[in-house]
Amino acid sequence: MGARINFFKMPAFQGNIATGNTIQTFLDGGPTYEELQLHCANVVAADIAQFIVEVNGDLRVQLTGQQMLDLEAYEGRTATSNEFVFSFSDALARTIQGEASGGLVTKPGDRVLVKIVLGTLGGSEAFDLYAVTSPNRVEELRRYVVPEAVPITLTGDNDYKGLRSGNFTNEIRIRRMFNYGNVTHLRIEQDQRFPYGKDKLLKAVNDSLLARHGKTVPSSCYVFDPIFRGNTLIDLFDTFSRQSLTVTMTTGDSNAVTSIVDYLEMTRQPAAA
C-alpha cells in the first residue's frame, strides 16, 4: 500500500525568469496538498514578490518571499538557503484532525495554479517546485492565507471592520493574523464583548506570551494567534457576529498595515433545524 505521505517534483514553471515577470505551473487535481516547497538557485526573499496559489480561480494563498520565511520561522522551523516553504497542514497540531484541517484538498479536474511574481533579479535564478501530498479526502474546511490592507488614518487607535465574517457559527474562523506595521496594541470587540485585549494588549506582552510557547514573532509585526497552544480546532477565533466585529489597532505612525489573515472556512452549511 505504500506510505500515506508522498513527496515529489511538480511540473516545471513556465515563463521567462526575469525581473517583474510571472512564472507559473499547474498541479494535478486529486491529491491533498500538505506542503509546497520551492527549491531555488541564487534566490533570496526579495526575489519572490508574490507566491500565489489558486484553485479554480479562487485565491487561497498570497505571500511575499519574506512572509513565507516569517511563517516558517514563527513555528520554529529554521530557513534553509534557497528554500521557501508553505505548509497547508499543521504538523504541530495536537490532534490528527487539527493537522489535517488545513490541507489543500483537490479533486480530479480541479485547476490548481501556482505562480510566482518575480522581484528584481540578478539573472542567474532558478525555481523548482516540490509537493508533499496525501490521498484525497473529503473537504470539510478550506484554508485561506491572504493579505488584507488595513487603512491607518492616524497615529493612535484605528478601527478595522473589514475581516471576513461568517454567516453562521463556525463558518469562518481565524487561525492567525500577522499584522505588519507599527502596531503597538491590539483589541478585538465582538458583539459588545472583548474576546481579545479588552484594555488593548501591549505588543511586548503579547510577544512574550507567544515566545513562551515557542513562537518567533517576525520583525515589525503584531501577531494575533488564538491557537498558540496547539489546539488548532477548538481555539480558532469564530468571526460570526450578530452585531459587529471590530479590530482596533493602536499604531505608532499613520502608515498602512498589511494583515496576513489565516482563515479556515467551513465548506458545508449546517443542516436546517
Protein backbone atom coordinates (compact mmCIF):
# COMPACT_ATOMS: atom_id res chain seq x y z
CA MET A 1 0.00 0.00 0.00
CA GLY A 2 2.98 2.33 0.42
CA ALA A 3 3.05 5.38 2.70
CA ARG A 4 0.30 7.90 3.38
CA ILE A 5 2.66 10.79 2.61
CA ASN A 6 4.23 11.28 -0.81
CA PHE A 7 6.91 13.80 -1.83
CA PHE A 8 7.77 14.53 -5.44
CA LYS A 9 8.63 17.19 -8.00
CA MET A 10 5.87 19.20 -9.67
CA PRO A 11 5.73 20.25 -13.34
CA ALA A 12 8.28 22.89 -14.32
CA PHE A 13 7.39 26.56 -14.14
CA GLN A 14 6.51 28.17 -17.45
CA GLY A 15 7.58 31.71 -18.31
CA ASN A 16 10.69 33.83 -18.62
CA ILE A 17 12.64 34.19 -15.37
CA ALA A 18 13.33 37.92 -15.43
CA THR A 19 12.67 40.97 -13.28
CA GLY A 20 8.96 41.73 -12.90
CA ASN A 21 7.75 38.67 -14.82
CA THR A 22 5.40 35.96 -13.61
CA ILE A 23 6.17 32.25 -13.87
CA GLN A 24 3.53 29.60 -13.26
CA THR A 25 2.69 25.93 -13.25
CA PHE A 26 -0.46 23.82 -12.95
CA LEU A 27 -0.75 20.94 -10.49
CA ASP A 28 -2.91 17.85 -10.88
CA GLY A 29 -6.24 17.83 -9.09
CA GLY A 30 -6.97 14.78 -6.95
CA PRO A 31 -4.46 14.58 -4.07
CA THR A 32 -4.44 16.59 -0.88
CA TYR A 33 -1.52 19.01 -0.90
CA GLU A 34 0.02 19.17 2.57
CA GLU A 35 3.02 21.33 1.73
CA LEU A 36 4.61 23.12 -1.23
CA GLN A 37 8.37 23.66 -1.38
CA LEU A 38 10.34 25.93 -3.66
CA HIS A 39 13.90 24.70 -4.20
CA CYS A 40 15.78 27.54 -5.85
CA ALA A 41 19.20 28.66 -7.02
CA ASN A 42 20.59 32.13 -6.31
CA VAL A 43 17.27 33.31 -4.83
CA VAL A 44 16.67 35.49 -1.78
CA ALA A 45 13.35 36.52 -0.23
CA ALA A 46 13.12 39.80 -2.15
CA ASP A 47 13.23 37.87 -5.44
CA ILE A 48 9.75 36.47 -4.70
CA ALA A 49 7.43 39.45 -4.87
CA GLN A 50 4.35 37.20 -4.61
CA PHE A 51 3.80 33.47 -4.17
CA ILE A 52 0.24 32.66 -5.20
CA VAL A 53 -1.92 29.53 -5.12
CA GLU A 54 -5.34 29.40 -6.76
CA VAL A 55 -7.85 26.58 -7.12
CA ASN A 56 -10.32 27.03 -9.97
CA GLY A 57 -9.64 30.78 -9.86
CA ASP A 58 -10.21 31.00 -6.10
CA LEU A 59 -7.24 32.72 -4.41
CA ARG A 60 -6.07 30.55 -1.49
CA VAL A 61 -2.55 31.82 -0.74
CA GLN A 62 -0.76 35.09 -1.46
CA LEU A 63 2.52 35.80 0.31
CA THR A 64 5.83 37.51 -0.33
CA GLY A 65 9.05 35.54 -0.08
CA GLN A 66 9.82 37.20 3.26
CA GLN A 67 6.37 36.36 4.61
CA MET A 68 6.90 32.71 3.63
CA LEU A 69 10.09 32.72 5.69
CA ASP A 70 8.34 34.52 8.55
CA LEU A 71 5.55 31.95 8.79
CA GLU A 72 8.03 29.09 8.87
CA ALA A 73 10.27 30.82 11.44
CA TYR A 74 7.21 31.59 13.59
CA GLU A 75 6.75 27.83 14.08
CA GLY A 76 10.43 27.35 14.90
CA ARG A 77 11.45 25.94 11.52
CA THR A 78 14.82 27.34 10.51
CA ALA A 79 15.10 28.60 6.95
CA THR A 80 17.38 26.83 4.51
CA SER A 81 19.19 28.93 1.93
CA ASN A 82 17.38 28.96 -1.43
CA GLU A 83 14.34 27.16 0.00
CA PHE A 84 10.86 28.61 0.54
CA VAL A 85 8.04 26.54 2.01
CA PHE A 86 4.31 26.91 2.53
CA SER A 87 2.58 24.32 4.73
CA PHE A 88 -1.15 23.85 4.30
CA SER A 89 -1.47 21.28 7.09
CA ASP A 90 -0.20 21.97 10.60
CA ALA A 91 2.30 19.30 11.64
CA LEU A 92 2.47 20.83 15.15
CA ALA A 93 -1.24 20.42 15.84
CA ARG A 94 -2.17 18.38 18.90
CA THR A 95 -4.57 16.14 17.01
CA ILE A 96 -4.63 14.38 13.65
CA GLN A 97 -7.87 16.25 12.86
CA GLY A 98 -6.16 19.55 13.61
CA GLU A 99 -3.17 18.67 11.43
CA ALA A 100 -5.43 17.70 8.54
CA SER A 101 -7.74 20.70 8.84
CA GLY A 102 -5.64 22.99 6.62
CA GLY A 103 -4.65 20.58 3.85
CA LEU A 104 -5.37 21.75 0.30
CA VAL A 105 -7.99 19.19 -0.76
CA THR A 106 -8.43 18.86 -4.50
CA LYS A 107 -10.45 16.61 -6.78
CA PRO A 108 -9.78 15.32 -10.29
CA GLY A 109 -10.34 18.06 -12.82
CA ASP A 110 -9.53 20.92 -10.44
CA ARG A 111 -7.34 23.67 -11.92
CA VAL A 112 -4.60 24.20 -9.31
CA LEU A 113 -2.39 27.13 -10.27
CA VAL A 114 0.88 28.07 -8.55
CA LYS A 115 2.58 31.23 -9.71
CA ILE A 116 5.43 33.46 -8.65
CA VAL A 117 5.59 37.17 -9.35
CA LEU A 118 9.30 37.91 -9.57
CA GLY A 119 11.09 40.82 -7.95
CA THR A 120 14.33 42.41 -9.09
CA LEU A 121 16.59 39.58 -10.23
CA GLY A 122 20.27 39.30 -10.96
CA GLY A 123 19.92 36.98 -13.94
CA SER A 124 21.02 33.54 -12.66
CA GLU A 125 17.98 32.43 -10.63
CA ALA A 126 16.16 29.10 -10.93
CA PHE A 127 12.96 27.77 -9.35
CA ASP A 128 11.75 24.17 -8.88
CA LEU A 129 8.54 23.20 -7.09
CA TYR A 130 8.03 20.09 -4.95
CA ALA A 131 4.95 18.93 -3.06
CA VAL A 132 4.14 16.81 -0.04
CA THR A 133 0.80 15.11 -0.69
CA SER A 134 -1.56 12.61 0.86
CA PRO A 135 -4.55 10.76 -0.59
CA ASN A 136 -7.73 12.59 -1.49
CA ARG A 137 -10.15 13.16 1.38
CA VAL A 138 -13.48 14.85 1.97
CA GLU A 139 -13.07 18.62 2.18
CA GLU A 140 -14.64 19.97 5.36
CA LEU A 141 -12.51 23.08 5.86
CA ARG A 142 -10.89 25.34 3.28
CA ARG A 143 -7.82 27.38 4.22
CA TYR A 144 -7.05 30.90 3.02
CA VAL A 145 -3.84 32.81 3.79
CA VAL A 146 -4.23 36.17 2.12
CA PRO A 147 -3.26 39.81 2.67
CA GLU A 148 -5.69 42.50 3.73
CA ALA A 149 -4.80 46.18 3.61
CA VAL A 150 -5.78 47.87 6.88
CA PRO A 151 -6.20 51.63 6.36
CA ILE A 152 -4.49 53.65 9.08
CA THR A 153 -5.67 57.25 9.28
CA LEU A 154 -3.86 58.49 12.37
CA THR A 155 -1.24 57.75 14.99
CA GLY A 156 -3.22 56.09 17.78
CA ASP A 157 -6.38 53.96 17.69
CA ASN A 158 -7.64 52.79 14.28
CA ASP A 159 -10.75 50.62 13.93
CA TYR A 160 -10.87 47.93 11.23
CA LYS A 161 -14.15 46.22 10.36
CA GLY A 162 -13.10 44.51 7.15
CA LEU A 163 -12.48 40.95 8.38
CA ARG A 164 -14.38 38.25 6.54
CA SER A 165 -17.23 37.24 8.85
CA GLY A 166 -19.23 34.05 8.74
CA ASN A 167 -22.97 33.96 8.12
CA PHE A 168 -23.36 31.34 10.82
CA THR A 169 -21.39 29.99 13.76
CA ASN A 170 -18.04 28.41 12.84
CA GLU A 171 -18.38 29.15 9.12
CA ILE A 172 -15.23 31.31 9.00
CA ARG A 173 -12.62 31.08 11.74
CA ILE A 174 -9.23 32.72 12.12
CA ARG A 175 -6.11 30.71 12.83
CA ARG A 176 -3.76 33.69 12.96
CA MET A 177 -3.32 37.31 11.88
CA PHE A 178 0.15 38.64 11.10
CA ASN A 179 -0.19 42.43 11.23
CA TYR A 180 2.83 44.04 9.56
CA GLY A 181 3.33 47.66 10.57
CA ASN A 182 3.90 49.82 13.63
CA VAL A 183 1.15 48.22 15.72
CA THR A 184 1.76 48.75 19.45
CA HIS A 185 -1.54 47.46 20.90
CA LEU A 186 -4.45 45.31 19.69
CA ARG A 187 -8.04 44.81 20.78
CA ILE A 188 -10.95 42.83 19.29
CA GLU A 189 -14.56 43.69 20.07
CA GLN A 190 -17.29 41.27 19.02
CA ASP A 191 -20.95 41.91 19.80
CA GLN A 192 -20.10 44.24 22.69
CA ARG A 193 -17.67 41.74 24.20
CA PHE A 194 -13.88 41.77 24.16
CA PRO A 195 -12.57 38.27 23.33
CA TYR A 196 -9.05 39.68 22.98
CA GLY A 197 -7.22 42.60 24.60
CA LYS A 198 -10.07 44.36 26.41
CA ASP A 199 -7.70 47.09 27.57
CA LYS A 200 -5.71 46.97 24.29
CA LEU A 201 -2.95 44.41 24.73
CA LEU A 202 0.61 45.72 24.51
CA LYS A 203 2.71 44.12 21.75
CA ALA A 204 5.64 43.35 24.09
CA VAL A 205 3.32 41.41 26.42
CA ASN A 206 1.75 39.51 23.53
CA ASP A 207 5.21 38.74 22.11
CA SER A 208 6.29 37.38 25.49
CA LEU A 209 3.30 35.02 25.63
CA LEU A 210 4.00 33.70 22.14
CA ALA A 211 7.74 33.31 22.82
CA ARG A 212 6.95 31.23 25.91
CA HIS A 213 5.11 28.83 23.62
CA GLY A 214 7.98 28.56 21.17
CA LYS A 215 6.85 31.15 18.62
CA THR A 216 9.22 33.58 16.87
CA VAL A 217 7.40 36.82 16.08
CA PRO A 218 8.50 38.50 12.83
CA SER A 219 10.09 41.93 12.94
CA SER A 220 7.62 44.85 12.92
CA CYS A 221 4.64 42.51 13.23
CA TYR A 222 1.88 42.12 15.81
CA VAL A 223 0.66 38.51 15.74
CA PHE A 224 -2.85 37.62 16.89
CA ASP A 225 -2.70 33.86 17.46
CA PRO A 226 -5.68 32.20 19.17
CA ILE A 227 -4.18 28.72 18.57
CA PHE A 228 -0.78 29.39 20.17
CA ARG A 229 -1.21 26.36 22.47
CA GLY A 230 -1.55 23.97 19.52
CA ASN A 231 -5.30 23.37 19.86
CA THR A 232 -5.85 24.11 16.21
CA LEU A 233 -9.58 23.40 16.11
CA ILE A 234 -11.17 24.23 19.47
CA ASP A 235 -9.27 27.51 19.91
CA LEU A 236 -9.95 29.01 16.47
CA PHE A 237 -11.46 32.50 16.52
CA ASP A 238 -15.02 32.40 15.16
CA THR A 239 -15.74 35.57 13.15
CA PHE A 240 -19.53 35.21 13.21
CA SER A 241 -21.18 38.18 14.89
CA ARG A 242 -24.78 39.29 15.30
CA GLN A 243 -23.92 42.98 15.65
CA SER A 244 -20.32 43.90 14.86
CA LEU A 245 -16.73 42.70 14.74
CA THR A 246 -14.06 45.39 15.17
CA VAL A 247 -10.29 45.11 15.40
CA THR A 248 -8.70 48.16 17.00
CA MET A 249 -5.04 48.65 16.17
CA THR A 250 -3.08 51.26 18.07
CA THR A 251 -0.23 52.43 15.85
CA GLY A 252 2.89 54.48 16.37
CA ASP A 253 2.54 56.15 12.95
CA SER A 254 -0.05 56.66 10.21
CA ASN A 255 1.39 54.18 7.70
CA ALA A 256 -0.88 51.43 6.38
CA VAL A 257 -0.81 47.99 7.98
CA THR A 258 -0.78 44.78 5.93
CA SER A 259 -2.54 41.90 7.68
CA ILE A 260 -1.84 38.35 6.53
CA VAL A 261 -5.03 36.66 7.69
CA ASP A 262 -5.09 32.87 8.01
CA TYR A 263 -8.71 31.68 7.78
CA LEU A 264 -10.45 28.32 7.81
CA GLU A 265 -13.81 28.30 6.05
CA MET A 266 -16.38 25.56 6.50
CA THR A 267 -17.33 24.13 3.12
CA ARG A 268 -20.74 22.79 4.09
CA GLN A 269 -23.58 24.55 5.86
CA PRO A 270 -25.12 23.01 8.97
CA ALA A 271 -28.37 21.13 8.46
CA ALA A 272 -31.52 23.19 8.92
CA ALA A 273 -33.24 22.74 12.27
